[in-house]
Amino acid sequence: LLEGDVADRFAQFPYDITWLVSMIMLADACADLHQREAAQILYELLLPWESQVASLGPSALGPVARHLGMLAGALEDHDLAAAHFDAALDMSQNLHAPYWTACAQIEWAQILRRRNEPDDEPRTTAMLTEALDAARRYGVGALERRAQTPL
């Protein structure tokens, strides 16, 4: 399904009020599926929006930095992913958005677990513990399940 989008660098998506949310949704799918070519293109398209929150009306998908971190992780650029996740966590915490904070922690933990370096485990465990606590505190069952099974 992505072949045509990759071929035209997602140009068929109109640059309107739905564009950013559309790119974020595509970024999530490409990161989850490890679609490297699409991830690279989406990373380049989304980078200018890093300090923004993606939203459309009352629906908000969180800091663009979080999605950039996911894309960088799919591209296996762990240092870049860390920088984006740091920015996403800062923004989420400054906005008092525990859901977005927990999402960033879970997604970053997934990338660190895939990287599988010995020094990552304490941070991964701490992030997942914090995310799980927030999910339980606010009654977000789907987030709780993701925190318990991050891979």
N, C-alpha and C. Protein backbone atom coordinates (compact mmCIF):
# COMPACT_ATOMS: atom_id res chain seq x y z
N LEU A 1 0.80 -1.21 0.00
CA LEU A 1 0.00 0.00 0.00
C LEU A 1 0.85 1.27 0.00
N LEU A 2 2.05 1.17 0.54
CA LEU A 2 2.89 2.35 0.64
C LEU A 2 3.71 2.65 -0.61
N GLU A 3 3.79 1.70 -1.53
CA GLU A 3 4.66 1.87 -2.69
C GLU A 3 4.39 3.16 -3.45
N GLY A 4 3.13 3.44 -3.74
CA GLY A 4 2.79 4.67 -4.46
C GLY A 4 3.12 5.91 -3.66
N ASP A 5 2.88 5.85 -2.35
CA ASP A 5 3.18 6.99 -1.48
C ASP A 5 4.68 7.24 -1.42
N VAL A 6 5.45 6.18 -1.32
CA VAL A 6 6.91 6.32 -1.28
C VAL A 6 7.40 6.86 -2.62
N ALA A 7 6.86 6.33 -3.71
CA ALA A 7 7.30 6.75 -5.04
C ALA A 7 7.11 8.25 -5.26
N ASP A 8 6.01 8.80 -4.76
CA ASP A 8 5.79 10.24 -4.96
C ASP A 8 6.07 11.06 -3.69
N ARG A 9 6.74 10.42 -2.71
CA ARG A 9 7.13 11.07 -1.46
C ARG A 9 5.90 11.67 -0.75
N PHE A 10 4.80 10.93 -0.78
CA PHE A 10 3.56 11.29 -0.09
C PHE A 10 2.95 12.59 -0.63
N ALA A 11 3.26 12.92 -1.88
CA ALA A 11 2.77 14.17 -2.49
C ALA A 11 1.27 14.16 -2.74
N GLN A 12 0.67 12.97 -2.83
CA GLN A 12 -0.77 12.94 -3.09
C GLN A 12 -1.61 13.38 -1.90
N PHE A 13 -0.96 13.53 -0.75
CA PHE A 13 -1.68 14.01 0.43
C PHE A 13 -1.73 15.54 0.36
N PRO A 14 -2.93 16.11 0.34
CA PRO A 14 -3.01 17.57 0.24
C PRO A 14 -2.41 18.25 1.48
N TYR A 15 -1.71 19.31 1.22
CA TYR A 15 -1.09 20.09 2.30
C TYR A 15 -2.16 21.03 2.87
N ASP A 16 -3.00 20.47 3.73
CA ASP A 16 -4.11 21.22 4.31
C ASP A 16 -4.16 20.94 5.81
N ILE A 17 -5.30 21.19 6.44
CA ILE A 17 -5.38 21.03 7.89
C ILE A 17 -5.28 19.57 8.34
N THR A 18 -5.46 18.64 7.42
CA THR A 18 -5.36 17.22 7.78
C THR A 18 -3.97 16.64 7.52
N TRP A 19 -3.10 17.39 6.85
CA TRP A 19 -1.81 16.86 6.41
C TRP A 19 -0.96 16.35 7.58
N LEU A 20 -0.77 17.16 8.61
CA LEU A 20 0.12 16.78 9.71
C LEU A 20 -0.39 15.52 10.41
N VAL A 21 -1.66 15.46 10.69
CA VAL A 21 -2.22 14.28 11.35
C VAL A 21 -2.09 13.05 10.44
N SER A 22 -2.31 13.24 9.14
CA SER A 22 -2.14 12.13 8.19
C SER A 22 -0.71 11.63 8.19
N MET A 23 0.25 12.54 8.19
CA MET A 23 1.66 12.14 8.19
C MET A 23 2.03 11.43 9.49
N ILE A 24 1.46 11.89 10.60
CA ILE A 24 1.72 11.26 11.89
C ILE A 24 1.18 9.82 11.90
N MET A 25 -0.02 9.65 11.38
CA MET A 25 -0.61 8.31 11.34
C MET A 25 0.21 7.38 10.43
N LEU A 26 0.65 7.90 9.32
CA LEU A 26 1.51 7.11 8.44
C LEU A 26 2.85 6.81 9.11
N ALA A 27 3.39 7.78 9.82
CA ALA A 27 4.66 7.59 10.53
C ALA A 27 4.54 6.47 11.56
N ASP A 28 3.46 6.45 12.30
CA ASP A 28 3.25 5.40 13.29
C ASP A 28 3.23 4.03 12.62
N ALA A 29 2.50 3.91 11.52
CA ALA A 29 2.40 2.64 10.82
C ALA A 29 3.77 2.22 10.26
N CYS A 30 4.47 3.16 9.65
CA CYS A 30 5.79 2.84 9.07
C CYS A 30 6.80 2.46 10.15
N ALA A 31 6.75 3.15 11.27
CA ALA A 31 7.67 2.81 12.36
C ALA A 31 7.35 1.42 12.91
N ASP A 32 6.07 1.13 13.11
CA ASP A 32 5.68 -0.19 13.63
C ASP A 32 6.06 -1.32 12.67
N LEU A 33 5.97 -1.04 11.37
CA LEU A 33 6.25 -2.06 10.36
C LEU A 33 7.71 -2.04 9.88
N HIS A 34 8.50 -1.12 10.44
CA HIS A 34 9.93 -0.99 10.07
C HIS A 34 10.10 -0.79 8.56
N GLN A 35 9.26 0.06 8.01
CA GLN A 35 9.34 0.42 6.59
C GLN A 35 10.37 1.53 6.43
N ARG A 36 11.61 1.15 6.22
CA ARG A 36 12.73 2.09 6.26
C ARG A 36 12.61 3.21 5.22
N GLU A 37 12.30 2.89 3.98
CA GLU A 37 12.26 3.92 2.95
C GLU A 37 11.15 4.94 3.25
N ALA A 38 9.99 4.45 3.60
CA ALA A 38 8.89 5.35 3.95
C ALA A 38 9.22 6.14 5.21
N ALA A 39 9.86 5.47 6.18
CA ALA A 39 10.23 6.14 7.43
C ALA A 39 11.19 7.29 7.17
N GLN A 40 12.13 7.10 6.27
CA GLN A 40 13.09 8.16 5.95
C GLN A 40 12.40 9.36 5.33
N ILE A 41 11.50 9.12 4.41
CA ILE A 41 10.77 10.22 3.76
C ILE A 41 9.90 10.95 4.78
N LEU A 42 9.16 10.20 5.57
CA LEU A 42 8.29 10.82 6.57
C LEU A 42 9.10 11.58 7.61
N TYR A 43 10.25 11.04 7.98
CA TYR A 43 11.11 11.75 8.93
C TYR A 43 11.47 13.13 8.37
N GLU A 44 11.89 13.17 7.12
CA GLU A 44 12.26 14.45 6.50
C GLU A 44 11.07 15.40 6.42
N LEU A 45 9.89 14.88 6.11
CA LEU A 45 8.70 15.72 6.01
C LEU A 45 8.26 16.28 7.36
N LEU A 46 8.42 15.47 8.41
CA LEU A 46 7.94 15.86 9.74
C LEU A 46 8.95 16.68 10.55
N LEU A 47 10.21 16.60 10.20
CA LEU A 47 11.24 17.26 11.01
C LEU A 47 10.97 18.75 11.27
N PRO A 48 10.51 19.52 10.29
CA PRO A 48 10.23 20.94 10.58
C PRO A 48 9.12 21.16 11.62
N TRP A 49 8.35 20.14 11.90
CA TRP A 49 7.22 20.22 12.82
C TRP A 49 7.55 19.67 14.20
N GLU A 50 8.81 19.37 14.47
CA GLU A 50 9.20 18.67 15.70
C GLU A 50 8.66 19.32 16.98
N SER A 51 8.64 20.61 17.05
CA SER A 51 8.23 21.29 18.29
C SER A 51 6.73 21.52 18.39
N GLN A 52 5.97 20.91 17.49
CA GLN A 52 4.52 21.11 17.46
C GLN A 52 3.79 19.89 18.02
N VAL A 53 2.53 20.09 18.34
CA VAL A 53 1.64 19.00 18.73
C VAL A 53 0.69 18.77 17.55
N ALA A 54 0.59 17.54 17.12
CA ALA A 54 -0.30 17.19 16.01
C ALA A 54 -1.72 17.08 16.52
N SER A 55 -2.62 17.85 15.91
CA SER A 55 -4.01 17.79 16.32
C SER A 55 -4.91 18.17 15.16
N LEU A 56 -6.12 17.73 15.26
CA LEU A 56 -7.15 18.08 14.29
C LEU A 56 -8.44 18.22 15.08
N GLY A 57 -8.86 19.44 15.27
CA GLY A 57 -10.03 19.68 16.10
C GLY A 57 -9.77 19.21 17.52
N PRO A 58 -10.70 18.47 18.09
CA PRO A 58 -10.51 18.02 19.48
C PRO A 58 -9.58 16.81 19.62
N SER A 59 -9.16 16.23 18.50
CA SER A 59 -8.28 15.07 18.55
C SER A 59 -6.82 15.51 18.48
N ALA A 60 -6.03 15.06 19.43
CA ALA A 60 -4.61 15.39 19.44
C ALA A 60 -3.80 14.10 19.53
N LEU A 61 -2.73 14.05 18.75
CA LEU A 61 -1.90 12.85 18.69
C LEU A 61 -0.56 13.05 19.38
N GLY A 62 -0.39 14.15 20.05
CA GLY A 62 0.81 14.37 20.83
C GLY A 62 1.91 15.07 20.08
N PRO A 63 3.04 15.22 20.76
CA PRO A 63 4.18 15.92 20.16
C PRO A 63 4.70 15.21 18.91
N VAL A 64 4.95 15.97 17.88
CA VAL A 64 5.54 15.42 16.66
C VAL A 64 6.90 14.80 16.98
N ALA A 65 7.59 15.35 17.97
CA ALA A 65 8.90 14.80 18.35
C ALA A 65 8.81 13.32 18.71
N ARG A 66 7.73 12.90 19.33
CA ARG A 66 7.56 11.49 19.70
C ARG A 66 7.53 10.62 18.45
N HIS A 67 6.82 11.07 17.44
CA HIS A 67 6.71 10.30 16.20
C HIS A 67 8.03 10.32 15.43
N LEU A 68 8.76 11.43 15.51
CA LEU A 68 10.10 11.49 14.92
C LEU A 68 11.03 10.50 15.62
N GLY A 69 10.88 10.37 16.93
CA GLY A 69 11.67 9.40 17.66
C GLY A 69 11.37 7.98 17.21
N MET A 70 10.10 7.70 16.96
CA MET A 70 9.72 6.37 16.48
C MET A 70 10.32 6.11 15.10
N LEU A 71 10.26 7.12 14.22
CA LEU A 71 10.83 6.96 12.89
C LEU A 71 12.35 6.78 12.95
N ALA A 72 13.01 7.58 13.78
CA ALA A 72 14.46 7.44 13.94
C ALA A 72 14.81 6.05 14.47
N GLY A 73 13.98 5.54 15.36
CA GLY A 73 14.18 4.18 15.86
C GLY A 73 14.03 3.15 14.76
N ALA A 74 13.04 3.33 13.90
CA ALA A 74 12.84 2.41 12.77
C ALA A 74 14.03 2.48 11.81
N LEU A 75 14.67 3.64 11.76
CA LEU A 75 15.85 3.82 10.91
C LEU A 75 17.13 3.39 11.64
N GLU A 76 16.96 2.94 12.88
CA GLU A 76 18.05 2.47 13.73
C GLU A 76 19.09 3.55 14.04
N ASP A 77 18.63 4.80 14.06
CA ASP A 77 19.49 5.91 14.50
C ASP A 77 19.10 6.19 15.95
N HIS A 78 19.71 5.45 16.86
CA HIS A 78 19.30 5.49 18.27
C HIS A 78 19.63 6.81 18.95
N ASP A 79 20.72 7.44 18.57
CA ASP A 79 21.05 8.74 19.17
C ASP A 79 20.02 9.79 18.77
N LEU A 80 19.63 9.78 17.51
CA LEU A 80 18.62 10.72 17.04
C LEU A 80 17.27 10.42 17.69
N ALA A 81 16.95 9.14 17.81
CA ALA A 81 15.69 8.76 18.48
C ALA A 81 15.69 9.27 19.91
N ALA A 82 16.80 9.13 20.61
CA ALA A 82 16.89 9.59 22.00
C ALA A 82 16.66 11.09 22.09
N ALA A 83 17.24 11.84 21.18
CA ALA A 83 17.05 13.31 21.20
C ALA A 83 15.59 13.68 20.98
N HIS A 84 14.93 12.99 20.05
CA HIS A 84 13.51 13.29 19.80
C HIS A 84 12.64 12.87 20.98
N PHE A 85 12.93 11.71 21.56
CA PHE A 85 12.13 11.27 22.71
C PHE A 85 12.35 12.19 23.91
N ASP A 86 13.58 12.68 24.10
CA ASP A 86 13.82 13.66 25.17
C ASP A 86 12.95 14.89 24.96
N ALA A 87 12.91 15.38 23.72
CA ALA A 87 12.09 16.56 23.40
C ALA A 87 10.61 16.25 23.63
N ALA A 88 10.16 15.08 23.21
CA ALA A 88 8.76 14.70 23.39
C ALA A 88 8.39 14.59 24.86
N LEU A 89 9.28 14.00 25.66
CA LEU A 89 9.02 13.88 27.09
C LEU A 89 8.97 15.25 27.75
N ASP A 90 9.90 16.12 27.39
CA ASP A 90 9.89 17.48 27.95
C ASP A 90 8.58 18.19 27.62
N MET A 91 8.18 18.12 26.36
CA MET A 91 6.95 18.79 25.94
C MET A 91 5.74 18.19 26.65
N SER A 92 5.67 16.87 26.69
CA SER A 92 4.52 16.20 27.33
C SER A 92 4.43 16.56 28.81
N GLN A 93 5.57 16.57 29.48
CA GLN A 93 5.57 16.91 30.90
C GLN A 93 5.23 18.39 31.12
N ASN A 94 5.73 19.26 30.27
CA ASN A 94 5.41 20.69 30.39
C ASN A 94 3.94 20.96 30.13
N LEU A 95 3.32 20.15 29.29
CA LEU A 95 1.90 20.29 29.00
C LEU A 95 1.02 19.55 30.01
N HIS A 96 1.66 18.89 30.99
CA HIS A 96 0.94 18.08 31.98
C HIS A 96 0.05 17.06 31.27
N ALA A 97 0.69 16.32 30.35
CA ALA A 97 -0.01 15.33 29.53
C ALA A 97 0.55 13.94 29.85
N PRO A 98 0.05 13.32 30.93
CA PRO A 98 0.60 12.02 31.33
C PRO A 98 0.42 10.93 30.29
N TYR A 99 -0.64 10.98 29.51
CA TYR A 99 -0.85 9.97 28.47
C TYR A 99 0.27 10.04 27.43
N TRP A 100 0.56 11.25 26.95
CA TRP A 100 1.63 11.40 25.95
C TRP A 100 2.99 11.06 26.55
N THR A 101 3.18 11.41 27.81
CA THR A 101 4.44 11.05 28.48
C THR A 101 4.60 9.53 28.50
N ALA A 102 3.55 8.84 28.90
CA ALA A 102 3.62 7.38 28.97
C ALA A 102 3.81 6.76 27.59
N CYS A 103 3.15 7.30 26.58
CA CYS A 103 3.34 6.79 25.21
C CYS A 103 4.80 6.92 24.79
N ALA A 104 5.40 8.07 25.04
CA ALA A 104 6.80 8.28 24.68
C ALA A 104 7.71 7.32 25.44
N GLN A 105 7.43 7.12 26.72
CA GLN A 105 8.25 6.20 27.50
C GLN A 105 8.16 4.77 26.96
N ILE A 106 6.98 4.33 26.62
CA ILE A 106 6.79 2.97 26.11
C ILE A 106 7.49 2.82 24.76
N GLU A 107 7.29 3.79 23.88
CA GLU A 107 7.88 3.69 22.54
C GLU A 107 9.40 3.75 22.60
N TRP A 108 9.93 4.60 23.47
CA TRP A 108 11.38 4.68 23.60
C TRP A 108 11.92 3.38 24.19
N ALA A 109 11.21 2.83 25.15
CA ALA A 109 11.63 1.56 25.75
C ALA A 109 11.65 0.45 24.70
N GLN A 110 10.68 0.45 23.79
CA GLN A 110 10.66 -0.55 22.72
C GLN A 110 11.93 -0.46 21.88
N ILE A 111 12.32 0.75 21.54
CA ILE A 111 13.51 0.95 20.72
C ILE A 111 14.76 0.54 21.47
N LEU A 112 14.83 0.90 22.74
CA LEU A 112 15.99 0.51 23.54
C LEU A 112 16.08 -1.00 23.69
N ARG A 113 14.95 -1.67 23.83
CA ARG A 113 14.96 -3.13 23.93
C ARG A 113 15.43 -3.76 22.63
N ARG A 114 15.03 -3.20 21.49
CA ARG A 114 15.50 -3.72 20.21
C ARG A 114 17.00 -3.49 20.04
N ARG A 115 17.47 -2.34 20.54
CA ARG A 115 18.90 -2.05 20.45
C ARG A 115 19.68 -3.04 21.31
N ASN A 116 19.15 -3.36 22.48
CA ASN A 116 19.68 -4.43 23.34
C ASN A 116 21.12 -4.19 23.81
N GLU A 117 21.38 -3.00 24.30
CA GLU A 117 22.68 -2.74 24.92
C GLU A 117 22.52 -2.85 26.44
N PRO A 118 23.53 -3.38 27.13
CA PRO A 118 23.41 -3.64 28.58
C PRO A 118 23.05 -2.40 29.40
N ASP A 119 23.56 -1.25 29.03
CA ASP A 119 23.30 -0.04 29.81
C ASP A 119 21.88 0.48 29.65
N ASP A 120 21.14 -0.02 28.68
CA ASP A 120 19.78 0.45 28.41
C ASP A 120 18.75 -0.12 29.38
N GLU A 121 19.01 -1.29 29.93
CA GLU A 121 17.98 -1.99 30.70
C GLU A 121 17.47 -1.21 31.91
N PRO A 122 18.33 -0.57 32.73
CA PRO A 122 17.79 0.17 33.87
C PRO A 122 16.86 1.32 33.44
N ARG A 123 17.23 2.02 32.39
CA ARG A 123 16.39 3.13 31.93
C ARG A 123 15.09 2.59 31.34
N THR A 124 15.18 1.52 30.58
CA THR A 124 13.99 0.90 30.00
C THR A 124 13.02 0.49 31.10
N THR A 125 13.53 -0.18 32.10
CA THR A 125 12.69 -0.62 33.22
C THR A 125 12.05 0.55 33.93
N ALA A 126 12.81 1.60 34.16
CA ALA A 126 12.27 2.78 34.85
C ALA A 126 11.16 3.44 34.02
N MET A 127 11.39 3.57 32.72
CA MET A 127 10.37 4.20 31.87
C MET A 127 9.10 3.37 31.82
N LEU A 128 9.24 2.06 31.69
CA LEU A 128 8.06 1.21 31.64
C LEU A 128 7.31 1.21 32.96
N THR A 129 8.03 1.27 34.07
CA THR A 129 7.40 1.33 35.38
C THR A 129 6.60 2.62 35.53
N GLU A 130 7.20 3.74 35.13
CA GLU A 130 6.50 5.03 35.20
C GLU A 130 5.27 5.03 34.29
N ALA A 131 5.42 4.50 33.08
CA ALA A 131 4.29 4.46 32.15
C ALA A 131 3.17 3.58 32.70
N LEU A 132 3.52 2.45 33.27
CA LEU A 132 2.52 1.54 33.83
C LEU A 132 1.80 2.21 35.00
N ASP A 133 2.54 2.89 35.85
CA ASP A 133 1.92 3.61 36.98
C ASP A 133 0.92 4.65 36.48
N ALA A 134 1.32 5.41 35.46
CA ALA A 134 0.42 6.44 34.92
C ALA A 134 -0.82 5.79 34.29
N ALA A 135 -0.62 4.72 33.55
CA ALA A 135 -1.75 4.04 32.91
C ALA A 135 -2.75 3.54 33.97
N ARG A 136 -2.24 3.01 35.05
CA ARG A 136 -3.12 2.53 36.11
C ARG A 136 -3.79 3.68 36.84
N ARG A 137 -3.03 4.75 37.10
CA ARG A 137 -3.57 5.91 37.82
C ARG A 137 -4.73 6.55 37.06
N TYR A 138 -4.61 6.60 35.73
CA TYR A 138 -5.63 7.26 34.92
C TYR A 138 -6.59 6.29 34.26
N GLY A 139 -6.45 5.00 34.54
CA GLY A 139 -7.40 4.00 34.04
C GLY A 139 -7.35 3.81 32.53
N VAL A 140 -6.15 3.80 31.96
CA VAL A 140 -6.02 3.62 30.51
C VAL A 140 -5.52 2.20 30.26
N GLY A 141 -6.48 1.29 30.11
CA GLY A 141 -6.17 -0.13 29.99
C GLY A 141 -5.27 -0.46 28.81
N ALA A 142 -5.53 0.15 27.65
CA ALA A 142 -4.71 -0.14 26.47
C ALA A 142 -3.26 0.25 26.71
N LEU A 143 -3.06 1.38 27.35
CA LEU A 143 -1.70 1.83 27.66
C LEU A 143 -1.05 0.92 28.70
N GLU A 144 -1.84 0.48 29.65
CA GLU A 144 -1.33 -0.45 30.66
C GLU A 144 -0.83 -1.74 30.01
N ARG A 145 -1.60 -2.27 29.06
CA ARG A 145 -1.19 -3.49 28.37
C ARG A 145 0.09 -3.25 27.56
N ARG A 146 0.19 -2.10 26.92
CA ARG A 146 1.40 -1.79 26.15
C ARG A 146 2.62 -1.67 27.05
N ALA A 147 2.44 -1.11 28.24
CA ALA A 147 3.56 -0.97 29.17
C ALA A 147 4.03 -2.31 29.70
N GLN A 148 3.12 -3.26 29.76
CA GLN A 148 3.46 -4.58 30.27
C GLN A 148 4.08 -5.49 29.21
N THR A 149 3.80 -5.22 27.95
CA THR A 149 4.36 -6.01 26.85
C THR A 149 4.88 -5.06 25.78
N PRO A 150 6.03 -4.43 26.01
CA PRO A 150 6.50 -3.37 25.11
C PRO A 150 7.05 -3.83 23.77
N LEU A 151 7.24 -5.11 23.56
CA LEU A 151 7.79 -5.50 22.24
C LEU A 151 6.74 -6.14 21.39
